[in-house]
Amino acid sequence: MVTPTPANVTVAKALTSESGSQAGIAEGGETLVYTITLTNSGGTAASYDLTDTLGAGLTYVSSSPSGTNVGQTTTWTSLAVPANGTLAVTVTASVDTPVTVSAVTNLAKPSGTPDPSCPSATCVVTPTPANVTVAKALTSESGSQAGIAEGGETLVYTITLTNSGGTAASYDLTDTLGRA
């Protein structure tokens, strides 16, 4: 008599589809599809409880098979993972507009267990686009009257570029000086 090995389910997660124009970048309004693969290396089928959590900047759209969604969390109970087989579960989310985070995260885990570290095999981190702002300030002047440009005076300006997005940016900058 052969005794089958017990169920042994592992979880893997991947971003498998996106509707935006930049691959691997979470753009505002974009639809992201995540696939969670449950793999059972055991010889016995498994009944598996799964939790998927969307991070800040993402909004739940749908899941397949349908799970129970409350806010950012979707749960499935008693998913049938075949012996020596796999089961794929998908979660579809949209990226919030405007984008207010430097990256979006989506994690999957066995229900009732601590959150995994991110990024990892069960937590996908996707950066958001670069979001560069420019600020210019007068930082030094050699004249005798503060805030007033005087003939022959040297004025020093500081231009600061700040990127609050999740992707590095290459930026061309032109500063045009006016004539007196």
C-alpha atoms as a PDB file:
ATOM      1  CA  MET A   1       0.000   0.000   0.000  1.00  0.00           C
ATOM      2  CA  VAL A   2       1.292   3.426  -0.988  1.00  0.00           C
ATOM      3  CA  THR A   3       0.584   6.327   1.347  1.00  0.00           C
ATOM      4  CA  PRO A   4       0.409   9.679  -0.455  1.00  0.00           C
ATOM      5  CA  THR A   5       2.566  12.460   0.896  1.00  0.00           C
ATOM      6  CA  PRO A   6       0.722  15.211   2.774  1.00  0.00           C
ATOM      7  CA  ALA A   7      -0.247  18.411   1.039  1.00  0.00           C
ATOM      8  CA  ASN A   8       2.543  21.016   0.890  1.00  0.00           C
ATOM      9  CA  VAL A   9       1.329  24.318  -0.591  1.00  0.00           C
ATOM     10  CA  THR A  10       3.604  27.241  -1.479  1.00  0.00           C
ATOM     11  CA  VAL A  11       2.522  30.693  -2.647  1.00  0.00           C
ATOM     12  CA  ALA A  12       4.063  32.779  -5.444  1.00  0.00           C
ATOM     13  CA  LYS A  13       2.837  36.128  -6.749  1.00  0.00           C
ATOM     14  CA  ALA A  14       3.597  38.108  -9.914  1.00  0.00           C
ATOM     15  CA  LEU A  15       2.389  41.173 -11.787  1.00  0.00           C
ATOM     16  CA  THR A  16       1.208  39.488 -15.005  1.00  0.00           C
ATOM     17  CA  SER A  17      -0.608  42.241 -16.908  1.00  0.00           C
ATOM     18  CA  GLU A  18      -0.739  46.029 -16.939  1.00  0.00           C
ATOM     19  CA  SER A  19      -2.586  48.519 -19.102  1.00  0.00           C
ATOM     20  CA  GLY A  20      -0.203  51.487 -18.858  1.00  0.00           C
ATOM     21  CA  SER A  21       2.345  52.755 -21.330  1.00  0.00           C
ATOM     22  CA  GLN A  22       5.423  52.086 -19.153  1.00  0.00           C
ATOM     23  CA  ALA A  23       6.176  48.441 -18.370  1.00  0.00           C
ATOM     24  CA  GLY A  24       6.884  47.816 -14.690  1.00  0.00           C
ATOM     25  CA  ILE A  25       5.676  51.292 -13.641  1.00  0.00           C
ATOM     26  CA  ALA A  26       2.351  51.832 -11.802  1.00  0.00           C
ATOM     27  CA  GLU A  27       0.767  54.789 -13.620  1.00  0.00           C
ATOM     28  CA  GLY A  28      -2.311  56.640 -12.364  1.00  0.00           C
ATOM     29  CA  GLY A  29      -5.532  55.061 -13.690  1.00  0.00           C
ATOM     30  CA  GLU A  30      -3.712  51.964 -14.926  1.00  0.00           C
ATOM     31  CA  THR A  31      -5.156  48.474 -14.404  1.00  0.00           C
ATOM     32  CA  LEU A  32      -2.779  45.904 -12.874  1.00  0.00           C
ATOM     33  CA  VAL A  33      -3.446  42.154 -12.862  1.00  0.00           C
ATOM     34  CA  TYR A  34      -1.636  40.026 -10.285  1.00  0.00           C
ATOM     35  CA  THR A  35      -1.506  36.229 -10.464  1.00  0.00           C
ATOM     36  CA  ILE A  36      -1.111  34.208  -7.293  1.00  0.00           C
ATOM     37  CA  THR A  37       0.052  30.654  -7.952  1.00  0.00           C
ATOM     38  CA  LEU A  38      -0.593  28.039  -5.282  1.00  0.00           C
ATOM     39  CA  THR A  39       1.642  25.003  -5.852  1.00  0.00           C
ATOM     40  CA  ASN A  40       1.010  21.748  -4.007  1.00  0.00           C
ATOM     41  CA  SER A  41       4.058  19.480  -4.066  1.00  0.00           C
ATOM     42  CA  GLY A  42       2.295  16.884  -1.908  1.00  0.00           C
ATOM     43  CA  GLY A  43       0.400  13.811  -3.016  1.00  0.00           C
ATOM     44  CA  THR A  44      -2.806  14.881  -1.267  1.00  0.00           C
ATOM     45  CA  ALA A  45      -5.157  17.629  -2.398  1.00  0.00           C
ATOM     46  CA  ALA A  46      -5.280  20.693  -0.149  1.00  0.00           C
ATOM     47  CA  SER A  47      -8.022  23.005   1.052  1.00  0.00           C
ATOM     48  CA  TYR A  48      -6.281  26.375   1.307  1.00  0.00           C
ATOM     49  CA  ASP A  49      -7.229  29.733   2.843  1.00  0.00           C
ATOM     50  CA  LEU A  50      -5.602  32.716   1.127  1.00  0.00           C
ATOM     51  CA  THR A  51      -5.412  36.456   1.867  1.00  0.00           C
ATOM     52  CA  ASP A  52      -4.391  39.146  -0.617  1.00  0.00           C
ATOM     53  CA  THR A  53      -3.742  42.726   0.530  1.00  0.00           C
ATOM     54  CA  LEU A  54      -3.472  45.749  -1.748  1.00  0.00           C
ATOM     55  CA  GLY A  55      -1.182  48.505  -0.514  1.00  0.00           C
ATOM     56  CA  ALA A  56      -1.763  52.257  -0.535  1.00  0.00           C
ATOM     57  CA  GLY A  57      -2.342  53.668  -4.012  1.00  0.00           C
ATOM     58  CA  LEU A  58      -4.304  50.653  -5.278  1.00  0.00           C
ATOM     59  CA  THR A  59      -8.063  50.051  -5.474  1.00  0.00           C
ATOM     60  CA  TYR A  60      -9.654  46.598  -5.779  1.00  0.00           C
ATOM     61  CA  VAL A  61     -11.455  45.892  -9.075  1.00  0.00           C
ATOM     62  CA  SER A  62     -12.073  42.116  -9.165  1.00  0.00           C
ATOM     63  CA  SER A  63     -10.709  38.651  -8.426  1.00  0.00           C
ATOM     64  CA  SER A  64     -10.956  35.216 -10.011  1.00  0.00           C
ATOM     65  CA  PRO A  65     -12.115  32.972  -8.572  1.00  0.00           C
ATOM     66  CA  SER A  66     -14.227  35.472  -6.670  1.00  0.00           C
ATOM     67  CA  GLY A  67     -13.051  36.122  -3.148  1.00  0.00           C
ATOM     68  CA  THR A  68     -14.538  38.162  -0.350  1.00  0.00           C
ATOM     69  CA  ASN A  69     -13.261  41.734  -0.608  1.00  0.00           C
ATOM     70  CA  VAL A  70     -13.354  44.237   2.253  1.00  0.00           C
ATOM     71  CA  GLY A  71     -11.416  47.451   1.556  1.00  0.00           C
ATOM     72  CA  GLN A  72      -7.846  46.553   0.599  1.00  0.00           C
ATOM     73  CA  THR A  73      -8.105  42.872   1.589  1.00  0.00           C
ATOM     74  CA  THR A  74      -9.516  39.928  -0.357  1.00  0.00           C
ATOM     75  CA  THR A  75      -9.836  36.466   1.193  1.00  0.00           C
ATOM     76  CA  TRP A  76     -10.620  33.027  -0.155  1.00  0.00           C
ATOM     77  CA  THR A  77     -11.525  30.036   1.974  1.00  0.00           C
ATOM     78  CA  SER A  78     -11.145  26.374   1.082  1.00  0.00           C
ATOM     79  CA  LEU A  79      -9.464  26.831  -2.303  1.00  0.00           C
ATOM     80  CA  ALA A  80      -8.964  23.353  -3.793  1.00  0.00           C
ATOM     81  CA  VAL A  81      -5.289  22.899  -4.689  1.00  0.00           C
ATOM     82  CA  PRO A  82      -4.847  19.542  -6.470  1.00  0.00           C
ATOM     83  CA  ALA A  83      -2.275  16.981  -5.394  1.00  0.00           C
ATOM     84  CA  ASN A  84       1.023  17.580  -7.216  1.00  0.00           C
ATOM     85  CA  GLY A  85      -0.624  20.497  -9.005  1.00  0.00           C
ATOM     86  CA  THR A  86      -1.263  24.228  -9.077  1.00  0.00           C
ATOM     87  CA  LEU A  87      -4.125  26.660  -8.782  1.00  0.00           C
ATOM     88  CA  ALA A  88      -3.962  30.200 -10.172  1.00  0.00           C
ATOM     89  CA  VAL A  89      -5.865  33.059  -8.544  1.00  0.00           C
ATOM     90  CA  THR A  90      -5.946  36.565 -10.057  1.00  0.00           C
ATOM     91  CA  VAL A  91      -6.524  39.946  -8.478  1.00  0.00           C
ATOM     92  CA  THR A  92      -7.210  43.031 -10.608  1.00  0.00           C
ATOM     93  CA  ALA A  93      -6.560  46.486  -9.164  1.00  0.00           C
ATOM     94  CA  SER A  94      -6.449  50.036 -10.455  1.00  0.00           C
ATOM     95  CA  VAL A  95      -3.763  52.582  -9.604  1.00  0.00           C
ATOM     96  CA  ASP A  96      -5.215  55.636  -7.867  1.00  0.00           C
ATOM     97  CA  THR A  97      -5.167  59.026  -9.609  1.00  0.00           C
ATOM     98  CA  PRO A  98      -3.385  61.156  -8.681  1.00  0.00           C
ATOM     99  CA  VAL A  99      -0.486  58.914  -7.709  1.00  0.00           C
ATOM    100  CA  THR A 100       0.514  59.850  -4.155  1.00  0.00           C
ATOM    101  CA  VAL A 101       2.966  57.046  -3.280  1.00  0.00           C
ATOM    102  CA  SER A 102       6.432  56.205  -4.606  1.00  0.00           C
ATOM    103  CA  ALA A 103       5.516  52.523  -5.103  1.00  0.00           C
ATOM    104  CA  VAL A 104       2.470  50.255  -4.856  1.00  0.00           C
ATOM    105  CA  THR A 105       2.568  46.868  -3.148  1.00  0.00           C
ATOM    106  CA  ASN A 106       0.404  43.771  -3.355  1.00  0.00           C
ATOM    107  CA  LEU A 107       0.984  40.775  -1.109  1.00  0.00           C
ATOM    108  CA  ALA A 108      -0.467  37.301  -0.798  1.00  0.00           C
ATOM    109  CA  LYS A 109      -0.183  34.947   2.163  1.00  0.00           C
ATOM    110  CA  PRO A 110      -1.844  32.034   3.889  1.00  0.00           C
ATOM    111  CA  SER A 111      -4.744  33.478   5.886  1.00  0.00           C
ATOM    112  CA  GLY A 112      -3.916  34.101   9.528  1.00  0.00           C
ATOM    113  CA  THR A 113      -0.151  34.372   9.050  1.00  0.00           C
ATOM    114  CA  PRO A 114       2.091  37.460   9.363  1.00  0.00           C
ATOM    115  CA  ASP A 115       2.650  39.650   6.321  1.00  0.00           C
ATOM    116  CA  PRO A 116       5.673  38.644   4.219  1.00  0.00           C
ATOM    117  CA  SER A 117       8.581  40.990   3.656  1.00  0.00           C
ATOM    118  CA  CYS A 118       8.451  43.139   0.554  1.00  0.00           C
ATOM    119  CA  PRO A 119       9.633  42.623  -2.096  1.00  0.00           C
ATOM    120  CA  SER A 120       9.567  38.817  -1.994  1.00  0.00           C
ATOM    121  CA  ALA A 121       8.101  35.839  -3.855  1.00  0.00           C
ATOM    122  CA  THR A 122       4.709  36.696  -2.327  1.00  0.00           C
ATOM    123  CA  CYS A 123       4.886  40.507  -2.342  1.00  0.00           C
ATOM    124  CA  VAL A 124       5.158  42.539  -5.542  1.00  0.00           C
ATOM    125  CA  VAL A 125       6.439  46.133  -5.319  1.00  0.00           C
ATOM    126  CA  THR A 126       5.916  48.301  -8.405  1.00  0.00           C
ATOM    127  CA  PRO A 127       7.395  51.817  -8.563  1.00  0.00           C
ATOM    128  CA  THR A 128       5.316  54.777  -9.676  1.00  0.00           C
ATOM    129  CA  PRO A 129       6.430  57.244 -12.378  1.00  0.00           C
ATOM    130  CA  ALA A 130       8.868  60.038 -11.723  1.00  0.00           C
ATOM    131  CA  ASN A 131       7.155  63.172 -10.415  1.00  0.00           C
ATOM    132  CA  VAL A 132       9.619  66.044 -10.674  1.00  0.00           C
ATOM    133  CA  THR A 133       8.918  69.528  -9.325  1.00  0.00           C
ATOM    134  CA  VAL A 134      11.172  72.564  -9.740  1.00  0.00           C
ATOM    135  CA  ALA A 135      11.736  75.348  -7.225  1.00  0.00           C
ATOM    136  CA  LYS A 136      13.905  78.431  -7.732  1.00  0.00           C
ATOM    137  CA  ALA A 137      14.964  80.769  -4.942  1.00  0.00           C
ATOM    138  CA  LEU A 138      17.228  83.787  -4.584  1.00  0.00           C
ATOM    139  CA  THR A 139      19.789  82.588  -2.041  1.00  0.00           C
ATOM    140  CA  SER A 140      22.372  85.357  -2.024  1.00  0.00           C
ATOM    141  CA  GLU A 141      22.794  88.958  -3.190  1.00  0.00           C
ATOM    142  CA  SER A 142      25.644  91.457  -2.925  1.00  0.00           C
ATOM    143  CA  GLY A 143      23.647  94.700  -2.957  1.00  0.00           C
ATOM    144  CA  SER A 144      22.781  96.978  -0.085  1.00  0.00           C
ATOM    145  CA  GLN A 145      18.978  96.633  -0.392  1.00  0.00           C
ATOM    146  CA  ALA A 146      17.599  93.133   0.309  1.00  0.00           C
ATOM    147  CA  GLY A 147      15.186  91.872  -2.316  1.00  0.00           C
ATOM    148  CA  ILE A 148      15.893  94.707  -4.761  1.00  0.00           C
ATOM    149  CA  ALA A 149      18.142  94.155  -7.790  1.00  0.00           C
ATOM    150  CA  GLU A 150      20.710  96.948  -7.943  1.00  0.00           C
ATOM    151  CA  GLY A 151      23.019  97.813 -10.838  1.00  0.00           C
ATOM    152  CA  GLY A 152      26.288  95.822 -10.652  1.00  0.00           C
ATOM    153  CA  GLU A 153      24.919  93.509  -7.954  1.00  0.00           C
ATOM    154  CA  THR A 154      25.602  89.760  -8.043  1.00  0.00           C
ATOM    155  CA  LEU A 155      22.508  87.578  -7.518  1.00  0.00           C
ATOM    156  CA  VAL A 156      22.774  83.854  -6.731  1.00  0.00           C
ATOM    157  CA  TYR A 157      19.798  81.587  -7.350  1.00  0.00           C
ATOM    158  CA  THR A 158      19.394  77.968  -6.271  1.00  0.00           C
ATOM    159  CA  ILE A 159      17.291  75.676  -8.435  1.00  0.00           C
ATOM    160  CA  THR A 160      16.068  72.521  -6.697  1.00  0.00           C
ATOM    161  CA  LEU A 161      14.540  69.544  -8.505  1.00  0.00           C
ATOM    162  CA  THR A 162      12.588  67.141  -6.284  1.00  0.00           C
ATOM    163  CA  ASN A 163      11.387  63.718  -7.455  1.00  0.00           C
ATOM    164  CA  SER A 164       8.516  62.422  -5.308  1.00  0.00           C
ATOM    165  CA  GLY A 165       7.846  59.496  -7.671  1.00  0.00           C
ATOM    166  CA  GLY A 166       9.201  55.992  -7.460  1.00  0.00           C
ATOM    167  CA  THR A 167      11.290  56.022 -10.635  1.00  0.00           C
ATOM    168  CA  ALA A 168      14.540  57.875 -11.245  1.00  0.00           C
ATOM    169  CA  ALA A 169      14.214  60.762 -13.675  1.00  0.00           C
ATOM    170  CA  SER A 170      16.452  62.293 -16.280  1.00  0.00           C
ATOM    171  CA  TYR A 171      15.526  65.939 -16.545  1.00  0.00           C
ATOM    172  CA  ASP A 172      16.495  68.758 -18.924  1.00  0.00           C
ATOM    173  CA  LEU A 173      16.405  72.175 -17.299  1.00  0.00           C
ATOM    174  CA  THR A 174      16.697  75.625 -18.850  1.00  0.00           C
ATOM    175  CA  ASP A 175      16.873  78.799 -16.769  1.00  0.00           C
ATOM    176  CA  THR A 176      16.356  81.977 -18.743  1.00  0.00           C
ATOM    177  CA  LEU A 177      17.634  85.183 -17.170  1.00  0.00           C
ATOM    178  CA  GLY A 178      15.631  88.318 -17.842  1.00  0.00           C
ATOM    179  CA  ARG A 179      17.064  91.643 -18.990  1.00  0.00           C
ATOM    180  CA  ALA A 180      16.946  94.766 -16.867  1.00  0.00           C
END
